Amino acid sequence: MDYKKASKEILDKVGGVENISNMTHCATRLRLTLRDSSLIQDEQVKKIEGVVNTLNKAGQYQILIGTNVPKLYDEFENLVKGNNDDESIKTNEGNSQGIVSKIFSAISAIFAPLLPALAGSGILRGLLILAEQTGLISEDSGTYAIINVASMSVFYFLPVLLAFTSARRFGADPFLSALIGAALLNPDYVSLMGDTGNGATTSFLKIPVVLMGYNATVVPIILSIWAFSYLYKFLEKKVPETLKLVVIPLVSLAIMVPLTIIVIGPIGVYSGEGVANVVNWLIERSSILTGILIGGGWSILVSLGIHWAVNPIMINNVSTYGFDYIVPYTFACNFAVIGVTIGVFLKAKNKKLKNFAASGFITIALSAIIEPVLFGLLIKNKKLFLAQIMGGAVGGAYLGLMKVVTSAFVFGSVTTFPAFVSDRELNFLNAMIGLLISLIVGIVLAYIFTKKDEELM
């Protein structure tokens, strides 16, 4: 794929640089906020080499590219920034996006760059647990300790990583933002909590301060960098150029670190834990119903691009409790999609459709990316979409009934099975049974719903 050529063609078909209000990308999609959506030549965009499909929802034009979208985005960003002032793009964003759309867009932009690190660390963690349980590695050995550090550091230092990506999203300095995140993990700060931990108290300029631990937290640092972005932009405008090198870092750190520790951090911790606790309470109250709704409905959230709102909850659960109930339900969805691709492959005679189903099967099984099949096949065929929803719902119900968890935040594929390795009895076996149910239901229903002369629309 020629990313530069594709970027130029996309930019031309969406109304040019002057029509771009905001741009970002997630794991598979280029996401554009446009000033005038009537200028979109949607059918022409779909014909561009490398574009799988498009979606225009919640004030955002989404172009499905696949896992190579970061490369396309880099070329697209160069084109836009080379012909326009990036600051003007950001300031016009608020006028063209609703609050819900802006929240989803922000979450996507903040977490997308970290997903490979989170997924890789999660798989490594699962393999380590498996090796320890089978006796290959002793929990007291240096080998275990080193691999454990490698697999868990992404969670411990999550505030630093999120500070950097949040800064890029909100328009603050990434390195100053990372320093704010690092300050929350500094050993001298941690030592202030002593043996008390969360809830320990101290004072700052005679102001009482309730201390919190911020390793592996998500919400506090995002809120902090969002607030910092306003301070940073103010300082950028008001501080003379000759003093910026010293004054901006000095004022930023002097204000934001205490403000985060005293006010923003505790609010973020309690709000993040509150949301996670509500979700987990609902799961505990009716895990079967939750499994049906998420297992069957996850693909709908993905198709709308709003599944990113749930990812922080899953990450927070793994970071806080060491396990998560929601991730298995997303597996159920993915394996139902795999089942549909198998059913279509077995029934259809059209060579193009069979090849598409086969490539979709491989993509999901190895990388957990369902968007190509979702947009290229399921959304266009309501019966097959229903087959996938039913497969995910039935498998999700079983996973909910057996209270299956993962020990890491990962994406649902064959390569991430180690995440189901847990101290919980029969957790891995029940996970495999639940996913097999989703797979079989998807195969059977897709085989029934697919006509022999079905074509790839």
Protein backbone atom coordinates (compact mmCIF):
# COMPACT_ATOMS: atom_id res chain seq x y z
CA MET A 1 0.00 0.00 0.00
CA ASP A 2 1.28 3.48 -0.92
CA TYR A 3 0.42 5.39 2.28
CA LYS A 4 1.39 8.79 0.90
CA LYS A 5 -0.78 8.34 -2.19
CA ALA A 6 -3.70 6.99 -0.16
CA SER A 7 -3.41 9.92 2.28
CA LYS A 8 -3.57 12.46 -0.55
CA GLU A 9 -6.59 10.74 -2.06
CA ILE A 10 -8.43 10.55 1.28
CA LEU A 11 -7.69 14.19 2.05
CA ASP A 12 -9.01 15.22 -1.35
CA LYS A 13 -12.20 13.16 -1.00
CA VAL A 14 -13.09 14.51 2.46
CA GLY A 15 -12.95 18.16 1.47
CA GLY A 16 -9.28 19.04 1.78
CA VAL A 17 -7.19 20.44 4.60
CA GLU A 18 -9.58 23.31 5.31
CA ASN A 19 -12.33 20.81 6.14
CA ILE A 20 -10.30 18.97 8.81
CA SER A 21 -11.26 20.02 12.33
CA ASN A 22 -9.58 17.19 14.22
CA MET A 23 -7.80 13.96 13.38
CA THR A 24 -6.71 10.89 15.29
CA HIS A 25 -6.58 7.14 14.89
CA CYS A 26 -7.23 3.98 16.89
CA ALA A 27 -5.94 0.45 16.29
CA THR A 28 -7.55 0.11 12.87
CA ARG A 29 -9.27 3.37 11.86
CA LEU A 30 -8.41 6.87 10.76
CA ARG A 31 -10.85 9.10 12.64
CA LEU A 32 -11.64 12.54 11.25
CA THR A 33 -13.81 15.33 12.60
CA LEU A 34 -14.88 17.45 9.64
CA ARG A 35 -16.29 20.95 9.55
CA ASP A 36 -18.70 20.13 6.73
CA SER A 37 -19.63 16.45 6.35
CA SER A 38 -21.54 17.18 3.15
CA LEU A 39 -18.19 17.49 1.36
CA ILE A 40 -17.38 13.81 1.95
CA GLN A 41 -17.25 11.72 -1.22
CA ASP A 42 -17.91 8.50 0.66
CA GLU A 43 -18.13 6.12 -2.28
CA GLN A 44 -14.90 7.50 -3.70
CA VAL A 45 -13.14 7.08 -0.35
CA LYS A 46 -14.19 3.42 -0.23
CA LYS A 47 -12.55 2.85 -3.62
CA ILE A 48 -9.14 4.07 -2.45
CA GLU A 49 -6.58 1.28 -2.21
CA GLY A 50 -6.19 0.15 1.40
CA VAL A 51 -9.58 1.42 2.59
CA VAL A 52 -11.73 -1.46 3.86
CA ASN A 53 -14.84 0.54 4.74
CA THR A 54 -16.09 3.83 6.18
CA LEU A 55 -18.46 4.88 8.94
CA ASN A 56 -19.92 8.30 9.71
CA LYS A 57 -21.18 8.29 13.31
CA ALA A 58 -21.48 10.74 16.22
CA GLY A 59 -19.89 13.59 14.28
CA GLN A 60 -16.82 11.57 13.33
CA TYR A 61 -15.89 10.13 9.93
CA GLN A 62 -14.11 6.82 10.47
CA ILE A 63 -12.05 5.19 7.71
CA LEU A 64 -11.21 1.54 8.34
CA ILE A 65 -7.65 0.78 7.22
CA GLY A 66 -6.53 -2.09 9.43
CA THR A 67 -3.48 -2.52 11.63
CA ASN A 68 -1.34 -0.38 9.29
CA VAL A 69 -3.36 2.73 10.10
CA PRO A 70 -0.51 4.37 12.13
CA LYS A 71 1.63 4.49 8.96
CA LEU A 72 -1.19 6.05 6.98
CA TYR A 73 -1.91 8.49 9.81
CA ASP A 74 1.69 9.71 9.84
CA GLU A 75 1.49 10.57 6.14
CA PHE A 76 -1.97 12.10 6.55
CA GLU A 77 -0.83 14.21 9.50
CA ASN A 78 2.17 15.48 7.53
CA LEU A 79 -0.13 16.55 4.70
CA VAL A 80 -2.50 18.40 7.02
CA LYS A 81 0.15 20.06 9.17
CA GLY A 82 2.16 20.99 6.10
CA ASN A 83 -0.76 23.00 4.76
CA ASN A 84 -2.43 24.33 7.89
CA ASP A 85 -1.76 25.55 11.40
CA ASP A 86 -2.30 22.62 13.76
CA GLU A 87 -3.49 24.95 16.52
CA SER A 88 -6.36 26.14 14.36
CA ILE A 89 -7.44 22.57 13.86
CA LYS A 90 -7.61 22.01 17.60
CA THR A 91 -9.49 25.20 18.47
CA ASN A 92 -12.23 24.45 15.96
CA GLU A 93 -12.76 20.95 17.32
CA GLY A 94 -15.07 22.05 20.10
CA ASN A 95 -17.52 23.59 17.68
CA SER A 96 -17.91 20.50 15.52
CA GLN A 97 -18.07 17.70 18.11
CA GLY A 98 -20.62 16.93 20.79
CA ILE A 99 -19.45 16.15 24.31
CA VAL A 100 -20.00 12.39 23.96
CA SER A 101 -18.16 12.28 20.65
CA LYS A 102 -15.26 14.27 22.12
CA ILE A 103 -14.98 11.90 25.09
CA PHE A 104 -14.88 8.80 22.89
CA SER A 105 -12.43 10.46 20.52
CA ALA A 106 -10.16 11.44 23.42
CA ILE A 107 -10.21 7.96 24.97
CA SER A 108 -9.37 6.44 21.60
CA ALA A 109 -6.46 8.81 21.01
CA ILE A 110 -5.06 8.34 24.52
CA PHE A 111 -5.16 4.54 24.68
CA ALA A 112 -4.53 3.52 21.07
CA PRO A 113 -0.73 4.05 21.17
CA LEU A 114 -0.45 1.94 24.34
CA LEU A 115 -2.46 -1.07 23.17
CA PRO A 116 0.51 -3.04 21.76
CA ALA A 117 2.45 -2.58 25.01
CA LEU A 118 -0.57 -3.57 27.11
CA ALA A 119 -1.38 -6.59 24.96
CA GLY A 120 2.22 -7.82 24.81
CA SER A 121 2.68 -7.41 28.55
CA GLY A 122 -0.58 -9.21 29.21
CA ILE A 123 0.42 -12.23 27.14
CA LEU A 124 3.86 -12.34 28.81
CA ARG A 125 2.17 -12.21 32.23
CA GLY A 126 -0.11 -15.10 31.30
CA LEU A 127 2.82 -17.20 30.05
CA LEU A 128 4.71 -16.49 33.29
CA ILE A 129 1.76 -17.62 35.41
CA LEU A 130 1.47 -20.77 33.28
CA ALA A 131 5.19 -21.50 33.64
CA GLU A 132 4.98 -21.04 37.41
CA GLN A 133 1.93 -23.27 37.79
CA THR A 134 3.47 -26.05 35.72
CA GLY A 135 6.69 -25.92 37.70
CA LEU A 136 8.92 -24.63 34.91
CA ILE A 137 9.82 -21.50 36.88
CA SER A 138 9.96 -21.06 40.63
CA GLU A 139 8.18 -18.03 42.05
CA ASP A 140 11.22 -17.40 44.27
CA SER A 141 13.72 -17.41 41.40
CA GLY A 142 15.45 -14.46 39.79
CA THR A 143 14.06 -15.57 36.43
CA TYR A 144 10.50 -15.19 37.70
CA ALA A 145 11.25 -11.78 39.20
CA ILE A 146 12.83 -10.42 36.01
CA ILE A 147 10.05 -11.65 33.71
CA ASN A 148 7.45 -10.40 36.21
CA VAL A 149 9.06 -6.95 36.09
CA ALA A 150 9.02 -7.06 32.29
CA SER A 151 5.32 -7.99 32.19
CA MET A 152 4.02 -5.69 34.93
CA SER A 153 6.01 -2.49 34.40
CA VAL A 154 3.54 -1.19 31.81
CA PHE A 155 0.83 -1.27 34.49
CA TYR A 156 2.94 0.17 37.30
CA PHE A 157 4.14 3.09 35.16
CA LEU A 158 0.79 3.56 33.43
CA PRO A 159 0.43 7.14 34.74
CA VAL A 160 3.67 8.13 32.96
CA LEU A 161 2.64 6.51 29.68
CA LEU A 162 -0.88 7.92 29.83
CA ALA A 163 0.49 11.35 30.69
CA PHE A 164 2.50 11.32 27.47
CA THR A 165 -0.35 10.18 25.22
CA SER A 166 -2.84 12.47 26.99
CA ALA A 167 -0.55 15.42 26.38
CA ARG A 168 -0.48 14.66 22.67
CA ARG A 169 -4.26 14.54 22.65
CA PHE A 170 -4.91 17.66 24.75
CA GLY A 171 -2.11 19.82 23.38
CA ALA A 172 0.23 19.98 26.39
CA ASP A 173 3.98 19.36 26.47
CA PRO A 174 4.43 15.54 26.47
CA PHE A 175 7.66 15.53 28.49
CA LEU A 176 6.45 17.88 31.22
CA SER A 177 3.28 15.78 31.36
CA ALA A 178 5.34 12.60 31.76
CA LEU A 179 7.21 14.29 34.62
CA ILE A 180 3.90 15.04 36.36
CA GLY A 181 3.00 11.36 36.04
CA ALA A 182 6.45 10.29 37.26
CA ALA A 183 6.17 12.54 40.32
CA LEU A 184 3.18 10.48 41.48
CA LEU A 185 5.39 7.36 41.46
CA ASN A 186 8.49 8.92 42.99
CA PRO A 187 9.70 6.83 45.97
CA ASP A 188 9.84 9.94 48.16
CA TYR A 189 6.15 10.57 47.50
CA VAL A 190 5.25 6.90 48.06
CA SER A 191 7.16 6.90 51.38
CA LEU A 192 4.86 9.64 52.68
CA MET A 193 2.05 7.06 52.86
CA GLY A 194 4.11 4.80 55.12
CA ASP A 195 2.28 1.61 56.09
CA THR A 196 -1.12 3.29 55.88
CA GLY A 197 -1.37 3.40 52.09
CA ASN A 198 -4.38 5.12 50.53
CA GLY A 199 -5.88 7.55 53.01
CA ALA A 200 -2.65 8.53 54.73
CA THR A 201 -2.46 12.25 55.45
CA THR A 202 0.17 14.98 55.31
CA SER A 203 0.14 18.72 54.63
CA PHE A 204 1.28 21.12 51.93
CA LEU A 205 1.74 24.76 52.94
CA LYS A 206 -0.50 23.94 55.94
CA ILE A 207 -3.18 22.54 53.61
CA PRO A 208 -4.30 19.03 54.69
CA VAL A 209 -3.56 16.44 52.01
CA VAL A 210 -5.05 12.94 51.68
CA LEU A 211 -2.47 10.75 49.95
CA MET A 212 -3.21 8.13 47.31
CA GLY A 213 -1.12 5.54 45.50
CA TYR A 214 -1.13 6.17 41.76
CA ASN A 215 0.75 3.23 40.30
CA ALA A 216 -1.46 1.40 37.77
CA THR A 217 -4.16 4.10 37.91
CA VAL A 218 -5.87 5.49 34.81
CA VAL A 219 -8.30 8.33 35.54
CA PRO A 220 -6.22 10.64 37.82
CA ILE A 221 -3.42 11.34 35.35
CA ILE A 222 -5.78 11.84 32.40
CA LEU A 223 -7.74 14.44 34.38
CA SER A 224 -4.49 16.04 35.52
CA ILE A 225 -3.05 16.42 32.01
CA TRP A 226 -6.39 17.67 30.71
CA ALA A 227 -6.23 20.44 33.35
CA PHE A 228 -2.53 21.01 32.64
CA SER A 229 -3.23 21.53 28.94
CA TYR A 230 -5.12 24.74 29.77
CA LEU A 231 -2.31 26.01 31.98
CA TYR A 232 0.29 25.11 29.37
CA LYS A 233 -1.54 26.90 26.54
CA PHE A 234 -1.99 29.95 28.76
CA LEU A 235 1.72 30.04 29.60
CA GLU A 236 2.65 29.54 25.93
CA LYS A 237 0.72 32.69 25.04
CA LYS A 238 1.72 34.89 27.99
CA VAL A 239 5.38 34.04 28.70
CA PRO A 240 7.92 35.90 26.51
CA GLU A 241 9.85 33.69 24.11
CA THR A 242 13.17 34.35 25.83
CA LEU A 243 11.83 33.04 29.17
CA LYS A 244 9.80 30.04 28.01
CA LEU A 245 12.64 27.53 28.43
CA VAL A 246 12.77 28.13 32.19
CA VAL A 247 9.45 29.68 33.22
CA ILE A 248 7.02 27.22 31.59
CA PRO A 249 8.59 24.06 33.13
CA LEU A 250 9.06 25.79 36.50
CA VAL A 251 5.49 27.06 36.78
CA SER A 252 3.99 23.88 35.29
CA LEU A 253 5.64 21.52 37.76
CA ALA A 254 5.25 23.86 40.75
CA ILE A 255 1.51 24.13 40.15
CA MET A 256 0.46 20.80 38.62
CA VAL A 257 2.23 18.30 40.89
CA PRO A 258 0.75 19.72 44.14
CA LEU A 259 -2.63 20.33 42.46
CA THR A 260 -2.74 16.73 41.25
CA ILE A 261 -1.74 15.29 44.62
CA ILE A 262 -4.08 17.52 46.63
CA VAL A 263 -7.19 17.76 44.43
CA ILE A 264 -7.22 16.06 41.03
CA GLY A 265 -5.62 12.77 42.05
CA PRO A 266 -8.02 11.80 44.85
CA ILE A 267 -11.01 12.78 42.69
CA GLY A 268 -9.66 10.64 39.88
CA VAL A 269 -8.95 7.64 42.12
CA TYR A 270 -12.39 7.67 43.74
CA SER A 271 -14.25 8.28 40.48
CA GLY A 272 -12.31 5.58 38.63
CA GLU A 273 -12.83 3.08 41.42
CA GLY A 274 -16.49 4.07 41.62
CA VAL A 275 -17.17 3.35 37.95
CA ALA A 276 -15.25 0.08 38.09
CA ASN A 277 -17.07 -0.97 41.26
CA VAL A 278 -20.48 -0.27 39.70
CA VAL A 279 -19.62 -2.33 36.61
CA ASN A 280 -18.21 -5.18 38.69
CA TRP A 281 -21.23 -5.07 41.02
CA LEU A 282 -23.54 -5.46 38.03
CA ILE A 283 -21.46 -8.38 36.80
CA GLU A 284 -21.59 -10.05 40.22
CA ARG A 285 -25.35 -9.49 40.47
CA SER A 286 -26.15 -10.93 37.05
CA SER A 287 -23.04 -12.25 35.34
CA ILE A 288 -25.08 -14.31 32.86
CA LEU A 289 -27.06 -11.30 31.65
CA THR A 290 -23.86 -9.25 31.49
CA GLY A 291 -22.22 -12.00 29.44
CA ILE A 292 -25.16 -12.03 27.02
CA LEU A 293 -25.17 -8.25 26.61
CA ILE A 294 -21.41 -7.75 26.22
CA GLY A 295 -20.67 -11.00 24.40
CA GLY A 296 -23.47 -10.34 21.93
CA GLY A 297 -23.25 -6.58 21.80
CA TRP A 298 -19.50 -5.96 21.76
CA SER A 299 -19.39 -5.99 17.96
CA ILE A 300 -22.06 -3.28 17.91
CA LEU A 301 -19.91 -1.10 20.17
CA VAL A 302 -16.92 -1.76 17.92
CA SER A 303 -18.90 -0.86 14.81
CA LEU A 304 -19.83 2.46 16.41
CA GLY A 305 -16.32 3.04 17.67
CA ILE A 306 -17.44 3.46 21.29
CA HIS A 307 -15.87 0.29 22.70
CA TRP A 308 -12.95 2.48 23.74
CA ALA A 309 -15.04 3.79 26.62
CA VAL A 310 -15.01 0.32 28.20
CA ASN A 311 -11.29 -0.40 27.75
CA PRO A 312 -10.17 1.84 30.66
CA ILE A 313 -12.50 -0.08 33.00
CA MET A 314 -10.91 -3.38 31.99
CA ILE A 315 -7.40 -1.95 32.34
CA ASN A 316 -8.29 -0.50 35.75
CA ASN A 317 -9.67 -3.86 36.93
CA VAL A 318 -6.50 -5.72 35.94
CA SER A 319 -4.31 -3.03 37.49
CA THR A 320 -6.32 -2.86 40.73
CA TYR A 321 -7.59 -6.40 41.30
CA GLY A 322 -5.28 -8.51 39.14
CA PHE A 323 -8.17 -9.85 37.03
CA ASP A 324 -11.12 -8.74 34.91
CA TYR A 325 -14.54 -10.20 34.06
CA ILE A 326 -15.23 -8.12 30.94
CA VAL A 327 -12.31 -9.18 28.73
CA PRO A 328 -13.61 -12.78 28.42
CA TYR A 329 -16.90 -11.47 26.99
CA THR A 330 -14.98 -9.65 24.25
CA PHE A 331 -13.31 -12.98 23.47
CA ALA A 332 -16.79 -14.50 23.05
CA CYS A 333 -17.62 -11.85 20.46
CA ASN A 334 -14.39 -12.39 18.53
CA PHE A 335 -14.76 -16.16 18.45
CA ALA A 336 -18.33 -15.84 17.27
CA VAL A 337 -16.99 -13.71 14.40
CA ILE A 338 -14.39 -16.42 13.69
CA GLY A 339 -17.22 -18.96 13.66
CA VAL A 340 -19.12 -16.89 11.12
CA THR A 341 -16.10 -16.73 8.81
CA ILE A 342 -15.77 -20.53 9.01
CA GLY A 343 -19.48 -21.06 8.33
CA VAL A 344 -19.37 -18.73 5.33
CA PHE A 345 -16.23 -20.39 4.00
CA LEU A 346 -17.80 -23.85 4.24
CA LYS A 347 -21.10 -22.88 2.59
CA ALA A 348 -20.36 -20.20 0.00
CA LYS A 349 -19.15 -21.08 -3.49
CA ASN A 350 -18.05 -17.60 -4.52
CA LYS A 351 -14.25 -17.59 -4.57
CA LYS A 352 -13.91 -13.95 -3.59
CA LEU A 353 -16.18 -14.42 -0.58
CA LYS A 354 -14.37 -17.60 0.51
CA ASN A 355 -11.01 -15.83 0.29
CA PHE A 356 -12.34 -12.88 2.30
CA ALA A 357 -13.71 -15.23 4.98
CA ALA A 358 -10.42 -17.15 5.15
CA SER A 359 -8.32 -13.98 5.49
CA GLY A 360 -10.74 -12.68 8.14
CA PHE A 361 -10.41 -15.92 10.10
CA ILE A 362 -6.61 -15.68 10.10
CA THR A 363 -6.60 -11.99 11.02
CA ILE A 364 -8.89 -12.44 14.04
CA ALA A 365 -7.29 -15.69 15.22
CA LEU A 366 -3.83 -14.14 15.26
CA SER A 367 -4.39 -10.44 15.97
CA ALA A 368 -7.97 -10.11 17.32
CA ILE A 369 -8.85 -7.44 14.75
CA ILE A 370 -12.51 -7.97 13.80
CA GLU A 371 -13.16 -4.72 11.94
CA PRO A 372 -12.38 -6.01 8.41
CA VAL A 373 -14.95 -8.81 8.76
CA LEU A 374 -17.34 -6.59 10.70
CA PHE A 375 -17.45 -3.84 8.08
CA GLY A 376 -16.66 -5.93 5.02
CA LEU A 377 -19.22 -8.67 5.64
CA LEU A 378 -21.38 -8.58 8.77
CA ILE A 379 -22.77 -5.05 8.58
CA LYS A 380 -23.67 -5.67 4.94
CA ASN A 381 -25.45 -8.95 5.75
CA LYS A 382 -27.92 -8.65 8.64
CA LYS A 383 -28.43 -12.42 8.98
CA LEU A 384 -24.70 -13.03 9.40
CA PHE A 385 -24.49 -10.12 11.84
CA LEU A 386 -27.30 -11.76 13.82
CA ALA A 387 -25.44 -15.09 13.73
CA GLN A 388 -22.39 -13.44 15.25
CA ILE A 389 -24.44 -11.63 17.92
CA MET A 390 -26.17 -14.86 18.93
CA GLY A 391 -22.88 -16.78 19.04
CA GLY A 392 -21.27 -14.13 21.22
CA ALA A 393 -24.31 -13.94 23.50
CA VAL A 394 -24.52 -17.69 24.09
CA GLY A 395 -20.79 -18.04 24.70
CA GLY A 396 -20.81 -14.92 26.87
CA ALA A 397 -23.64 -16.35 28.96
CA TYR A 398 -21.56 -19.45 29.72
CA LEU A 399 -18.49 -17.37 30.57
CA GLY A 400 -20.64 -15.25 32.87
CA LEU A 401 -22.22 -18.31 34.51
CA MET A 402 -18.79 -19.76 35.28
CA LYS A 403 -17.40 -16.32 36.25
CA VAL A 404 -14.42 -16.67 33.93
CA VAL A 405 -11.73 -13.96 34.25
CA THR A 406 -8.51 -12.95 32.56
CA SER A 407 -5.36 -12.05 34.45
CA ALA A 408 -4.42 -9.41 31.87
CA PHE A 409 -5.94 -6.88 29.50
CA VAL A 410 -5.62 -8.50 26.07
CA PHE A 411 -7.52 -8.77 22.79
CA GLY A 412 -9.48 -11.92 22.01
CA SER A 413 -7.42 -14.23 19.80
CA VAL A 414 -5.76 -17.64 19.91
CA THR A 415 -2.42 -16.03 20.74
CA THR A 416 -3.79 -14.45 23.93
CA PHE A 417 -5.15 -17.62 25.55
CA PRO A 418 -2.47 -17.42 28.29
CA ALA A 419 -4.44 -14.54 29.81
CA PHE A 420 -6.98 -17.11 31.03
CA VAL A 421 -4.37 -18.86 33.16
CA SER A 422 -5.40 -18.07 36.72
CA ASP A 423 -5.33 -19.34 40.28
CA ARG A 424 -9.08 -19.85 39.97
CA GLU A 425 -10.02 -23.48 39.63
CA LEU A 426 -10.97 -24.56 36.07
CA ASN A 427 -10.86 -20.95 34.83
CA PHE A 428 -8.87 -21.86 31.70
CA LEU A 429 -11.03 -24.91 30.93
CA ASN A 430 -14.27 -22.95 31.31
CA ALA A 431 -12.86 -20.20 29.11
CA MET A 432 -12.10 -22.70 26.35
CA ILE A 433 -15.59 -24.20 26.65
CA GLY A 434 -17.24 -20.77 26.46
CA LEU A 435 -15.21 -19.75 23.40
CA LEU A 436 -15.91 -23.10 21.75
CA ILE A 437 -19.64 -22.48 22.27
CA SER A 438 -19.35 -19.06 20.60
CA LEU A 439 -17.36 -20.59 17.75
CA ILE A 440 -19.77 -23.46 17.11
CA VAL A 441 -22.92 -21.32 17.32
CA GLY A 442 -21.33 -18.86 14.89
CA ILE A 443 -20.38 -21.63 12.46
CA VAL A 444 -23.77 -23.34 12.53
CA LEU A 445 -25.87 -20.19 12.19
CA ALA A 446 -23.62 -18.70 9.51
CA TYR A 447 -23.78 -21.96 7.56
CA ILE A 448 -27.58 -21.92 7.80
CA PHE A 449 -27.90 -18.21 6.88
CA THR A 450 -25.38 -18.26 4.02
CA LYS A 451 -26.65 -19.02 0.53
CA LYS A 452 -24.47 -21.13 -1.73
CA ASP A 453 -24.50 -18.37 -4.33
CA GLU A 454 -23.77 -15.66 -1.74
CA GLU A 455 -21.42 -12.96 -2.97
CA LEU A 456 -19.18 -10.46 -1.23
CA MET A 457 -21.19 -7.24 -1.59
